[in-house]
PDB file of all heavy atoms in Angstrom:
ATOM      1  N   ALA A   1       0.831  -1.209   0.000  1.00  0.00           N
ATOM      2  CA  ALA A   1       0.000   0.000   0.000  1.00  0.00           C
ATOM      3  C   ALA A   1       0.863   1.255   0.000  1.00  0.00           C
ATOM      4  O   ALA A   1       0.543   2.246  -0.677  1.00  0.00           O
ATOM      5  CB  ALA A   1      -0.926   0.001   1.212  1.00  0.00           C
ATOM      6  N   MET A   2       1.973   1.221   0.729  1.00  0.00           N
ATOM      7  CA  MET A   2       2.870   2.373   0.764  1.00  0.00           C
ATOM      8  C   MET A   2       3.524   2.604  -0.587  1.00  0.00           C
ATOM      9  O   MET A   2       3.697   3.749  -1.023  1.00  0.00           O
ATOM     10  CB  MET A   2       3.932   2.162   1.849  1.00  0.00           C
ATOM     11  CG  MET A   2       3.394   2.240   3.272  1.00  0.00           C
ATOM     12  SD  MET A   2       4.592   1.734   4.528  1.00  0.00           S
ATOM     13  CE  MET A   2       5.843   3.009   4.345  1.00  0.00           C
ATOM     14  N   LEU A   3       3.874   1.513  -1.276  1.00  0.00           N
ATOM     15  CA  LEU A   3       4.465   1.646  -2.611  1.00  0.00           C
ATOM     16  C   LEU A   3       3.448   2.221  -3.597  1.00  0.00           C
ATOM     17  O   LEU A   3       3.782   3.083  -4.416  1.00  0.00           O
ATOM     18  CB  LEU A   3       4.951   0.276  -3.101  1.00  0.00           C
ATOM     19  CG  LEU A   3       6.207  -0.270  -2.431  1.00  0.00           C
ATOM     20  CD1 LEU A   3       6.493  -1.685  -2.907  1.00  0.00           C
ATOM     21  CD2 LEU A   3       7.405   0.639  -2.708  1.00  0.00           C
ATOM     22  N   VAL A   4       2.197   1.766  -3.500  1.00  0.00           N
ATOM     23  CA  VAL A   4       1.144   2.303  -4.365  1.00  0.00           C
ATOM     24  C   VAL A   4       0.932   3.789  -4.076  1.00  0.00           C
ATOM     25  O   VAL A   4       0.807   4.607  -4.995  1.00  0.00           O
ATOM     26  CB  VAL A   4      -0.186   1.531  -4.160  1.00  0.00           C
ATOM     27  CG1 VAL A   4      -1.343   2.225  -4.887  1.00  0.00           C
ATOM     28  CG2 VAL A   4      -0.041   0.096  -4.653  1.00  0.00           C
ATOM     29  N   GLY A   5       0.901   4.145  -2.781  1.00  0.00           N
ATOM     30  CA  GLY A   5       0.714   5.530  -2.393  1.00  0.00           C
ATOM     31  C   GLY A   5       1.859   6.423  -2.833  1.00  0.00           C
ATOM     32  O   GLY A   5       1.677   7.625  -3.064  1.00  0.00           O
ATOM     33  N   PHE A   6       3.054   5.830  -2.969  1.00  0.00           N
ATOM     34  CA  PHE A   6       4.229   6.599  -3.391  1.00  0.00           C
ATOM     35  C   PHE A   6       4.126   6.992  -4.862  1.00  0.00           C
ATOM     36  O   PHE A   6       4.556   8.081  -5.265  1.00  0.00           O
ATOM     37  CB  PHE A   6       5.500   5.782  -3.149  1.00  0.00           C
ATOM     38  CG  PHE A   6       6.771   6.509  -3.484  1.00  0.00           C
ATOM     39  CD1 PHE A   6       7.298   7.449  -2.613  1.00  0.00           C
ATOM     40  CD2 PHE A   6       7.430   6.250  -4.671  1.00  0.00           C
ATOM     41  CE1 PHE A   6       8.470   8.128  -2.928  1.00  0.00           C
ATOM     42  CE2 PHE A   6       8.607   6.924  -4.992  1.00  0.00           C
ATOM     43  CZ  PHE A   6       9.126   7.864  -4.114  1.00  0.00           C
ATOM     44  N   PHE A   7       3.544   6.116  -5.681  1.00  0.00           N
ATOM     45  CA  PHE A   7       3.478   6.362  -7.125  1.00  0.00           C
ATOM     46  C   PHE A   7       2.140   6.936  -7.581  1.00  0.00           C
ATOM     47  O   PHE A   7       2.066   7.595  -8.614  1.00  0.00           O
ATOM     48  CB  PHE A   7       3.740   5.059  -7.885  1.00  0.00           C
ATOM     49  CG  PHE A   7       5.167   4.571  -7.772  1.00  0.00           C
ATOM     50  CD1 PHE A   7       5.480   3.481  -6.968  1.00  0.00           C
ATOM     51  CD2 PHE A   7       6.189   5.203  -8.464  1.00  0.00           C
ATOM     52  CE1 PHE A   7       6.783   3.031  -6.857  1.00  0.00           C
ATOM     53  CE2 PHE A   7       7.505   4.759  -8.366  1.00  0.00           C
ATOM     54  CZ  PHE A   7       7.805   3.679  -7.558  1.00  0.00           C
ATOM     55  N   PHE A   8       1.081   6.684  -6.819  1.00  0.00           N
ATOM     56  CA  PHE A   8      -0.239   7.153  -7.237  1.00  0.00           C
ATOM     57  C   PHE A   8      -0.919   7.902  -6.099  1.00  0.00           C
ATOM     58  O   PHE A   8      -0.807   7.516  -4.938  1.00  0.00           O
ATOM     59  CB  PHE A   8      -1.132   5.966  -7.655  1.00  0.00           C
ATOM     60  CG  PHE A   8      -0.535   5.098  -8.727  1.00  0.00           C
ATOM     61  CD1 PHE A   8       0.114   3.919  -8.382  1.00  0.00           C
ATOM     62  CD2 PHE A   8      -0.609   5.471 -10.060  1.00  0.00           C
ATOM     63  CE1 PHE A   8       0.668   3.115  -9.361  1.00  0.00           C
ATOM     64  CE2 PHE A   8      -0.063   4.665 -11.043  1.00  0.00           C
ATOM     65  CZ  PHE A   8       0.591   3.487 -10.693  1.00  0.00           C
ATOM     66  N   GLU A   9      -1.640   8.956  -6.454  1.00  0.00           N
ATOM     67  CA  GLU A   9      -2.398   9.716  -5.457  1.00  0.00           C
ATOM     68  C   GLU A   9      -3.831   9.169  -5.421  1.00  0.00           C
ATOM     69  O   GLU A   9      -4.628   9.454  -6.298  1.00  0.00           O
ATOM     70  CB  GLU A   9      -2.403  11.208  -5.801  1.00  0.00           C
ATOM     71  CG  GLU A   9      -1.045  11.878  -5.640  1.00  0.00           C
ATOM     72  CD  GLU A   9      -1.131  13.382  -5.825  1.00  0.00           C
ATOM     73  OE1 GLU A   9      -2.272  13.903  -5.916  1.00  0.00           O
ATOM     74  OE2 GLU A   9      -0.081  14.035  -5.884  1.00  0.00           O
ATOM     75  N   ILE A  10      -4.104   8.359  -4.413  1.00  0.00           N
ATOM     76  CA  ILE A  10      -5.427   7.757  -4.282  1.00  0.00           C
ATOM     77  C   ILE A  10      -6.100   8.315  -3.028  1.00  0.00           C
ATOM     78  O   ILE A  10      -5.557   8.218  -1.927  1.00  0.00           O
ATOM     79  CB  ILE A  10      -5.326   6.217  -4.181  1.00  0.00           C
ATOM     80  CG1 ILE A  10      -4.637   5.662  -5.432  1.00  0.00           C
ATOM     81  CG2 ILE A  10      -6.702   5.597  -3.991  1.00  0.00           C
ATOM     82  CD1 ILE A  10      -4.441   4.168  -5.402  1.00  0.00           C
ATOM     83  N   THR A  11      -7.272   8.883  -3.211  1.00  0.00           N
ATOM     84  CA  THR A  11      -7.994   9.485  -2.096  1.00  0.00           C
ATOM     85  C   THR A  11      -8.304   8.443  -1.021  1.00  0.00           C
ATOM     86  O   THR A  11      -8.820   7.368  -1.313  1.00  0.00           O
ATOM     87  CB  THR A  11      -9.320  10.102  -2.589  1.00  0.00           C
ATOM     88  OG1 THR A  11      -9.038  11.050  -3.615  1.00  0.00           O
ATOM     89  CG2 THR A  11     -10.038  10.806  -1.433  1.00  0.00           C
ATOM     90  N   GLY A  12      -7.980   8.765   0.202  1.00  0.00           N
ATOM     91  CA  GLY A  12      -8.280   7.879   1.321  1.00  0.00           C
ATOM     92  C   GLY A  12      -7.245   6.806   1.584  1.00  0.00           C
ATOM     93  O   GLY A  12      -7.327   6.111   2.599  1.00  0.00           O
ATOM     94  N   LEU A  13      -6.247   6.667   0.673  1.00  0.00           N
ATOM     95  CA  LEU A  13      -5.251   5.610   0.863  1.00  0.00           C
ATOM     96  C   LEU A  13      -4.388   5.874   2.095  1.00  0.00           C
ATOM     97  O   LEU A  13      -4.088   4.947   2.857  1.00  0.00           O
ATOM     98  CB  LEU A  13      -4.366   5.483  -0.377  1.00  0.00           C
ATOM     99  CG  LEU A  13      -3.297   4.385  -0.313  1.00  0.00           C
ATOM    100  CD1 LEU A  13      -3.937   3.022  -0.099  1.00  0.00           C
ATOM    101  CD2 LEU A  13      -2.447   4.389  -1.584  1.00  0.00           C
ATOM    102  N   GLN A  14      -3.988   7.135   2.285  1.00  0.00           N
ATOM    103  CA  GLN A  14      -3.163   7.463   3.443  1.00  0.00           C
ATOM    104  C   GLN A  14      -3.900   7.193   4.745  1.00  0.00           C
ATOM    105  O   GLN A  14      -3.318   6.716   5.725  1.00  0.00           O
ATOM    106  CB  GLN A  14      -2.722   8.934   3.395  1.00  0.00           C
ATOM    107  CG  GLN A  14      -1.745   9.340   4.486  1.00  0.00           C
ATOM    108  CD  GLN A  14      -0.493   8.492   4.482  1.00  0.00           C
ATOM    109  OE1 GLN A  14       0.165   8.356   3.466  1.00  0.00           O
ATOM    110  NE2 GLN A  14      -0.146   7.926   5.631  1.00  0.00           N
ATOM    111  N   LEU A  15      -5.198   7.480   4.742  1.00  0.00           N
ATOM    112  CA  LEU A  15      -6.027   7.202   5.921  1.00  0.00           C
ATOM    113  C   LEU A  15      -6.074   5.701   6.188  1.00  0.00           C
ATOM    114  O   LEU A  15      -5.946   5.260   7.343  1.00  0.00           O
ATOM    115  CB  LEU A  15      -7.438   7.745   5.704  1.00  0.00           C
ATOM    116  CG  LEU A  15      -8.424   7.583   6.870  1.00  0.00           C
ATOM    117  CD1 LEU A  15      -7.966   8.387   8.077  1.00  0.00           C
ATOM    118  CD2 LEU A  15      -9.824   8.025   6.439  1.00  0.00           C
ATOM    119  N   ALA A  16      -6.229   4.910   5.121  1.00  0.00           N
ATOM    120  CA  ALA A  16      -6.281   3.458   5.265  1.00  0.00           C
ATOM    121  C   ALA A  16      -4.942   2.904   5.754  1.00  0.00           C
ATOM    122  O   ALA A  16      -4.901   1.992   6.590  1.00  0.00           O
ATOM    123  CB  ALA A  16      -6.661   2.815   3.928  1.00  0.00           C
ATOM    124  N   ILE A  17      -3.839   3.455   5.236  1.00  0.00           N
ATOM    125  CA  ILE A  17      -2.506   3.001   5.655  1.00  0.00           C
ATOM    126  C   ILE A  17      -2.285   3.307   7.132  1.00  0.00           C
ATOM    127  O   ILE A  17      -1.779   2.467   7.886  1.00  0.00           O
ATOM    128  CB  ILE A  17      -1.411   3.664   4.791  1.00  0.00           C
ATOM    129  CG1 ILE A  17      -1.484   3.153   3.347  1.00  0.00           C
ATOM    130  CG2 ILE A  17      -0.023   3.388   5.378  1.00  0.00           C
ATOM    131  CD1 ILE A  17      -0.532   3.848   2.397  1.00  0.00           C
ATOM    132  N   SER A  18      -2.650   4.506   7.555  1.00  0.00           N
ATOM    133  CA  SER A  18      -2.487   4.893   8.959  1.00  0.00           C
ATOM    134  C   SER A  18      -3.316   3.997   9.878  1.00  0.00           C
ATOM    135  O   SER A  18      -2.836   3.544  10.914  1.00  0.00           O
ATOM    136  CB  SER A  18      -2.879   6.360   9.157  1.00  0.00           C
ATOM    137  OG  SER A  18      -2.043   7.212   8.396  1.00  0.00           O
ATOM    138  N   ALA A  19      -4.554   3.744   9.479  1.00  0.00           N
ATOM    139  CA  ALA A  19      -5.421   2.858  10.272  1.00  0.00           C
ATOM    140  C   ALA A  19      -4.848   1.442  10.301  1.00  0.00           C
ATOM    141  O   ALA A  19      -4.871   0.770  11.340  1.00  0.00           O
ATOM    142  CB  ALA A  19      -6.830   2.845   9.685  1.00  0.00           C
ATOM    143  N   GLY A  20      -4.292   1.011   9.172  1.00  0.00           N
ATOM    144  CA  GLY A  20      -3.679  -0.306   9.111  1.00  0.00           C
ATOM    145  C   GLY A  20      -2.480  -0.420  10.033  1.00  0.00           C
ATOM    146  O   GLY A  20      -2.280  -1.450  10.692  1.00  0.00           O
ATOM    147  N   PHE A  21      -1.689   0.653  10.111  1.00  0.00           N
ATOM    148  CA  PHE A  21      -0.522   0.645  10.986  1.00  0.00           C
ATOM    149  C   PHE A  21      -0.923   0.644  12.460  1.00  0.00           C
ATOM    150  O   PHE A  21      -0.204   0.101  13.299  1.00  0.00           O
ATOM    151  CB  PHE A  21       0.392   1.844  10.688  1.00  0.00           C
ATOM    152  CG  PHE A  21       1.543   1.499   9.805  1.00  0.00           C
ATOM    153  CD1 PHE A  21       1.587   1.925   8.489  1.00  0.00           C
ATOM    154  CD2 PHE A  21       2.611   0.743  10.287  1.00  0.00           C
ATOM    155  CE1 PHE A  21       2.654   1.598   7.656  1.00  0.00           C
ATOM    156  CE2 PHE A  21       3.685   0.415   9.482  1.00  0.00           C
ATOM    157  CZ  PHE A  21       3.705   0.841   8.161  1.00  0.00           C
ATOM    158  N   VAL A  22      -2.046   1.258  12.781  1.00  0.00           N
ATOM    159  CA  VAL A  22      -2.538   1.221  14.164  1.00  0.00           C
ATOM    160  C   VAL A  22      -2.856  -0.225  14.557  1.00  0.00           C
ATOM    161  O   VAL A  22      -2.455  -0.699  15.629  1.00  0.00           O
ATOM    162  CB  VAL A  22      -3.784   2.116  14.335  1.00  0.00           C
ATOM    163  CG1 VAL A  22      -4.435   1.871  15.691  1.00  0.00           C
ATOM    164  CG2 VAL A  22      -3.406   3.586  14.203  1.00  0.00           C
ATOM    165  N   LEU A  23      -3.566  -0.924  13.678  1.00  0.00           N
ATOM    166  CA  LEU A  23      -3.897  -2.339  13.938  1.00  0.00           C
ATOM    167  C   LEU A  23      -2.635  -3.199  13.958  1.00  0.00           C
ATOM    168  O   LEU A  23      -2.482  -4.074  14.811  1.00  0.00           O
ATOM    169  CB  LEU A  23      -4.865  -2.853  12.869  1.00  0.00           C
ATOM    170  CG  LEU A  23      -6.264  -2.225  12.856  1.00  0.00           C
ATOM    171  CD1 LEU A  23      -7.076  -2.756  11.673  1.00  0.00           C
ATOM    172  CD2 LEU A  23      -6.995  -2.498  14.165  1.00  0.00           C
ATOM    173  N   PHE A  24      -1.735  -2.939  13.017  1.00  0.00           N
ATOM    174  CA  PHE A  24      -0.494  -3.712  12.912  1.00  0.00           C
ATOM    175  C   PHE A  24       0.356  -3.532  14.164  1.00  0.00           C
ATOM    176  O   PHE A  24       0.856  -4.507  14.741  1.00  0.00           O
ATOM    177  CB  PHE A  24       0.276  -3.248  11.676  1.00  0.00           C
ATOM    178  CG  PHE A  24       1.612  -3.916  11.500  1.00  0.00           C
ATOM    179  CD1 PHE A  24       1.698  -5.208  11.022  1.00  0.00           C
ATOM    180  CD2 PHE A  24       2.779  -3.243  11.812  1.00  0.00           C
ATOM    181  CE1 PHE A  24       2.931  -5.830  10.850  1.00  0.00           C
ATOM    182  CE2 PHE A  24       4.015  -3.849  11.656  1.00  0.00           C
ATOM    183  CZ  PHE A  24       4.092  -5.157  11.169  1.00  0.00           C
ATOM    184  N   SER A  25       0.518  -2.289  14.613  1.00  0.00           N
ATOM    185  CA  SER A  25       1.323  -2.005  15.806  1.00  0.00           C
ATOM    186  C   SER A  25       0.688  -2.605  17.053  1.00  0.00           C
ATOM    187  O   SER A  25       1.387  -3.117  17.931  1.00  0.00           O
ATOM    188  CB  SER A  25       1.489  -0.485  15.979  1.00  0.00           C
ATOM    189  OG  SER A  25       2.142   0.080  14.862  1.00  0.00           O
ATOM    190  N   SER A  26      -0.637  -2.560  17.132  1.00  0.00           N
ATOM    191  CA  SER A  26      -1.347  -3.144  18.274  1.00  0.00           C
ATOM    192  C   SER A  26      -1.136  -4.655  18.314  1.00  0.00           C
ATOM    193  O   SER A  26      -0.904  -5.238  19.383  1.00  0.00           O
ATOM    194  CB  SER A  26      -2.838  -2.829  18.186  1.00  0.00           C
ATOM    195  OG  SER A  26      -3.066  -1.428  18.235  1.00  0.00           O
ATOM    196  N   ALA A  27      -1.207  -5.299  17.146  1.00  0.00           N
ATOM    197  CA  ALA A  27      -0.978  -6.737  17.078  1.00  0.00           C
ATOM    198  C   ALA A  27       0.454  -7.075  17.486  1.00  0.00           C
ATOM    199  O   ALA A  27       0.692  -8.078  18.172  1.00  0.00           O
ATOM    200  CB  ALA A  27      -1.256  -7.250  15.664  1.00  0.00           C
ATOM    201  N   CYS A  28       1.400  -6.239  17.083  1.00  0.00           N
ATOM    202  CA  CYS A  28       2.811  -6.464  17.445  1.00  0.00           C
ATOM    203  C   CYS A  28       3.016  -6.364  18.949  1.00  0.00           C
ATOM    204  O   CYS A  28       3.776  -7.154  19.527  1.00  0.00           O
ATOM    205  CB  CYS A  28       3.709  -5.454  16.727  1.00  0.00           C
ATOM    206  SG  CYS A  28       3.930  -5.775  14.966  1.00  0.00           S
ATOM    207  N   ILE A  29       2.352  -5.420  19.594  1.00  0.00           N
ATOM    208  CA  ILE A  29       2.474  -5.268  21.050  1.00  0.00           C
ATOM    209  C   ILE A  29       1.939  -6.519  21.753  1.00  0.00           C
ATOM    210  O   ILE A  29       2.551  -7.038  22.681  1.00  0.00           O
ATOM    211  CB  ILE A  29       1.729  -4.013  21.520  1.00  0.00           C
ATOM    212  CG1 ILE A  29       2.447  -2.750  21.021  1.00  0.00           C
ATOM    213  CG2 ILE A  29       1.626  -3.984  23.056  1.00  0.00           C
ATOM    214  CD1 ILE A  29       1.677  -1.464  21.253  1.00  0.00           C
ATOM    215  N   LEU A  30       0.781  -7.001  21.304  1.00  0.00           N
ATOM    216  CA  LEU A  30       0.211  -8.229  21.875  1.00  0.00           C
ATOM    217  C   LEU A  30       1.166  -9.406  21.673  1.00  0.00           C
ATOM    218  O   LEU A  30       1.428 -10.176  22.595  1.00  0.00           O
ATOM    219  CB  LEU A  30      -1.133  -8.539  21.218  1.00  0.00           C
ATOM    220  CG  LEU A  30      -2.314  -7.628  21.566  1.00  0.00           C
ATOM    221  CD1 LEU A  30      -3.493  -7.940  20.652  1.00  0.00           C
ATOM    222  CD2 LEU A  30      -2.715  -7.790  23.031  1.00  0.00           C
ATOM    223  N   TYR A  31       1.664  -9.545  20.460  1.00  0.00           N
ATOM    224  CA  TYR A  31       2.535 -10.675  20.106  1.00  0.00           C
ATOM    225  C   TYR A  31       3.850 -10.627  20.888  1.00  0.00           C
ATOM    226  O   TYR A  31       4.302 -11.651  21.428  1.00  0.00           O
ATOM    227  CB  TYR A  31       2.804 -10.621  18.605  1.00  0.00           C
ATOM    228  CG  TYR A  31       3.691 -11.736  18.096  1.00  0.00           C
ATOM    229  CD1 TYR A  31       3.158 -12.988  17.796  1.00  0.00           C
ATOM    230  CD2 TYR A  31       5.058 -11.530  17.902  1.00  0.00           C
ATOM    231  CE1 TYR A  31       3.963 -14.011  17.319  1.00  0.00           C
ATOM    232  CE2 TYR A  31       5.871 -12.546  17.435  1.00  0.00           C
ATOM    233  CZ  TYR A  31       5.324 -13.782  17.138  1.00  0.00           C
ATOM    234  OH  TYR A  31       6.127 -14.794  16.675  1.00  0.00           O
ATOM    235  N   GLN A  32       4.466  -9.430  20.953  1.00  0.00           N
ATOM    236  CA  GLN A  32       5.766  -9.303  21.628  1.00  0.00           C
ATOM    237  C   GLN A  32       5.656  -9.509  23.132  1.00  0.00           C
ATOM    238  O   GLN A  32       6.510 -10.158  23.741  1.00  0.00           O
ATOM    239  CB  GLN A  32       6.358  -7.923  21.310  1.00  0.00           C
ATOM    240  CG  GLN A  32       6.790  -7.790  19.863  1.00  0.00           C
ATOM    241  CD  GLN A  32       6.834  -6.348  19.388  1.00  0.00           C
ATOM    242  OE1 GLN A  32       6.344  -5.430  20.051  1.00  0.00           O
ATOM    243  NE2 GLN A  32       7.432  -6.134  18.223  1.00  0.00           N
ATOM    244  N   THR A  33       4.593  -8.978  23.733  1.00  0.00           N
ATOM    245  CA  THR A  33       4.398  -9.156  25.173  1.00  0.00           C
ATOM    246  C   THR A  33       4.152 -10.621  25.489  1.00  0.00           C
ATOM    247  O   THR A  33       4.677 -11.167  26.456  1.00  0.00           O
ATOM    248  CB  THR A  33       3.219  -8.303  25.673  1.00  0.00           C
ATOM    249  OG1 THR A  33       3.418  -6.934  25.293  1.00  0.00           O
ATOM    250  CG2 THR A  33       3.109  -8.373  27.184  1.00  0.00           C
ATOM    251  N   SER A  34       3.335 -11.267  24.659  1.00  0.00           N
ATOM    252  CA  SER A  34       3.052 -12.688  24.838  1.00  0.00           C
ATOM    253  C   SER A  34       4.325 -13.523  24.706  1.00  0.00           C
ATOM    254  O   SER A  34       4.529 -14.493  25.443  1.00  0.00           O
ATOM    255  CB  SER A  34       2.012 -13.147  23.814  1.00  0.00           C
ATOM    256  OG  SER A  34       1.815 -14.542  23.876  1.00  0.00           O
ATOM    257  N   ALA A  35       5.184 -13.148  23.767  1.00  0.00           N
ATOM    258  CA  ALA A  35       6.432 -13.892  23.553  1.00  0.00           C
ATOM    259  C   ALA A  35       7.318 -13.859  24.796  1.00  0.00           C
ATOM    260  O   ALA A  35       8.010 -14.831  25.107  1.00  0.00           O
ATOM    261  CB  ALA A  35       7.184 -13.320  22.352  1.00  0.00           C
ATOM    262  N   ILE A  36       7.274 -12.744  25.518  1.00  0.00           N
ATOM    263  CA  ILE A  36       8.084 -12.631  26.732  1.00  0.00           C
ATOM    264  C   ILE A  36       7.544 -13.550  27.826  1.00  0.00           C
ATOM    265  O   ILE A  36       8.290 -14.332  28.426  1.00  0.00           O
ATOM    266  CB  ILE A  36       8.113 -11.175  27.246  1.00  0.00           C
ATOM    267  CG1 ILE A  36       8.761 -10.260  26.215  1.00  0.00           C
ATOM    268  CG2 ILE A  36       8.879 -11.090  28.571  1.00  0.00           C
ATOM    269  CD1 ILE A  36       8.689  -8.781  26.579  1.00  0.00           C
ATOM    270  N   ILE A  37       6.244 -13.478  28.082  1.00  0.00           N
ATOM    271  CA  ILE A  37       5.700 -14.233  29.218  1.00  0.00           C
ATOM    272  C   ILE A  37       5.589 -15.730  28.938  1.00  0.00           C
ATOM    273  O   ILE A  37       5.443 -16.513  29.866  1.00  0.00           O
ATOM    274  CB  ILE A  37       4.322 -13.678  29.655  1.00  0.00           C
ATOM    275  CG1 ILE A  37       3.276 -13.878  28.568  1.00  0.00           C
ATOM    276  CG2 ILE A  37       4.435 -12.219  30.037  1.00  0.00           C
ATOM    277  CD1 ILE A  37       1.880 -13.471  29.013  1.00  0.00           C
ATOM    278  N   HIS A  38       5.670 -16.123  27.662  1.00  0.00           N
ATOM    279  CA  HIS A  38       5.615 -17.546  27.337  1.00  0.00           C
ATOM    280  C   HIS A  38       6.988 -18.104  26.960  1.00  0.00           C
ATOM    281  O   HIS A  38       7.075 -19.227  26.461  1.00  0.00           O
ATOM    282  CB  HIS A  38       4.607 -17.805  26.215  1.00  0.00           C
ATOM    283  CG  HIS A  38       3.184 -17.610  26.637  1.00  0.00           C
ATOM    284  ND1 HIS A  38       2.513 -18.515  27.439  1.00  0.00           N
ATOM    285  CD2 HIS A  38       2.310 -16.591  26.419  1.00  0.00           C
ATOM    286  CE1 HIS A  38       1.285 -18.072  27.668  1.00  0.00           C
ATOM    287  NE2 HIS A  38       1.138 -16.917  27.066  1.00  0.00           N
ATOM    288  N   GLY A  39       8.033 -17.314  27.219  1.00  0.00           N
ATOM    289  CA  GLY A  39       9.387 -17.806  27.023  1.00  0.00           C
ATOM    290  C   GLY A  39       9.903 -17.765  25.606  1.00  0.00           C
ATOM    291  O   GLY A  39      10.996 -18.255  25.322  1.00  0.00           O
ATOM    292  N   GLY A  40       9.130 -17.178  24.677  1.00  0.00           N
ATOM    293  CA  GLY A  40       9.591 -17.103  23.294  1.00  0.00           C
ATOM    294  C   GLY A  40      10.643 -16.042  23.072  1.00  0.00           C
ATOM    295  O   GLY A  40      11.374 -16.079  22.081  1.00  0.00           O
ATOM    296  N   GLU A  41      10.714 -15.072  23.968  1.00  0.00           N
ATOM    297  CA  GLU A  41      11.712 -14.002  23.881  1.00  0.00           C
ATOM    298  C   GLU A  41      12.434 -13.914  25.212  1.00  0.00           C
ATOM    299  O   GLU A  41      11.854 -13.536  26.213  1.00  0.00           O
ATOM    300  CB  GLU A  41      11.043 -12.664  23.539  1.00  0.00           C
ATOM    301  CG  GLU A  41      12.005 -11.488  23.463  1.00  0.00           C
ATOM    302  CD  GLU A  41      13.078 -11.677  22.412  1.00  0.00           C
ATOM    303  OE1 GLU A  41      12.798 -11.452  21.228  1.00  0.00           O
ATOM    304  OE2 GLU A  41      14.220 -12.074  22.800  1.00  0.00           O
ATOM    305  N   ARG A  42      13.706 -14.281  25.217  1.00  0.00           N
ATOM    306  CA  ARG A  42      14.488 -14.288  26.447  1.00  0.00           C
ATOM    307  C   ARG A  42      15.507 -13.157  26.506  1.00  0.00           C
ATOM    308  O   ARG A  42      16.207 -13.015  27.502  1.00  0.00           O
ATOM    309  CB  ARG A  42      15.209 -15.638  26.613  1.00  0.00           C
ATOM    310  CG  ARG A  42      14.252 -16.818  26.847  1.00  0.00           C
ATOM    311  CD  ARG A  42      13.481 -16.638  28.137  1.00  0.00           C
ATOM    312  NE  ARG A  42      12.580 -17.758  28.412  1.00  0.00           N
ATOM    313  CZ  ARG A  42      12.908 -18.813  29.144  1.00  0.00           C
ATOM    314  NH1 ARG A  42      14.127 -18.907  29.652  1.00  0.00           N
ATOM    315  NH2 ARG A  42      12.031 -19.766  29.360  1.00  0.00           N
ATOM    316  N   ASN A  43      15.626 -12.386  25.429  1.00  0.00           N
ATOM    317  CA  ASN A  43      16.587 -11.294  25.403  1.00  0.00           C
ATOM    318  C   ASN A  43      15.865  -9.966  25.598  1.00  0.00           C
ATOM    319  O   ASN A  43      15.075  -9.554  24.748  1.00  0.00           O
ATOM    320  CB  ASN A  43      17.364 -11.294  24.083  1.00  0.00           C
ATOM    321  CG  ASN A  43      18.502 -10.284  24.085  1.00  0.00           C
ATOM    322  OD1 ASN A  43      18.279  -9.099  23.922  1.00  0.00           O
ATOM    323  ND2 ASN A  43      19.709 -10.770  24.281  1.00  0.00           N
ATOM    324  N   TYR A  44      16.103  -9.312  26.721  1.00  0.00           N
ATOM    325  CA  TYR A  44      15.336  -8.100  27.030  1.00  0.00           C
ATOM    326  C   TYR A  44      15.691  -6.920  26.126  1.00  0.00           C
ATOM    327  O   TYR A  44      14.889  -6.003  25.941  1.00  0.00           O
ATOM    328  CB  TYR A  44      15.511  -7.723  28.508  1.00  0.00           C
ATOM    329  CG  TYR A  44      16.854  -7.151  28.884  1.00  0.00           C
ATOM    330  CD1 TYR A  44      17.062  -5.776  28.919  1.00  0.00           C
ATOM    331  CD2 TYR A  44      17.919  -7.981  29.215  1.00  0.00           C
ATOM    332  CE1 TYR A  44      18.287  -5.238  29.277  1.00  0.00           C
ATOM    333  CE2 TYR A  44      19.143  -7.462  29.573  1.00  0.00           C
ATOM    334  CZ  TYR A  44      19.330  -6.093  29.599  1.00  0.00           C
ATOM    335  OH  TYR A  44      20.544  -5.566  29.945  1.00  0.00           O
TER     336      TYR A  44
END
């Protein structure tokens, strides 16, 4: 989506990308925290 947005001006694409990154970052926080408490990540 970022590559498409770089070459083409599509209305609402930036809004969709930002919203997507909010969901993506939230999922990463859940995943990374879970990895710590379940022993998947031992390096602080």
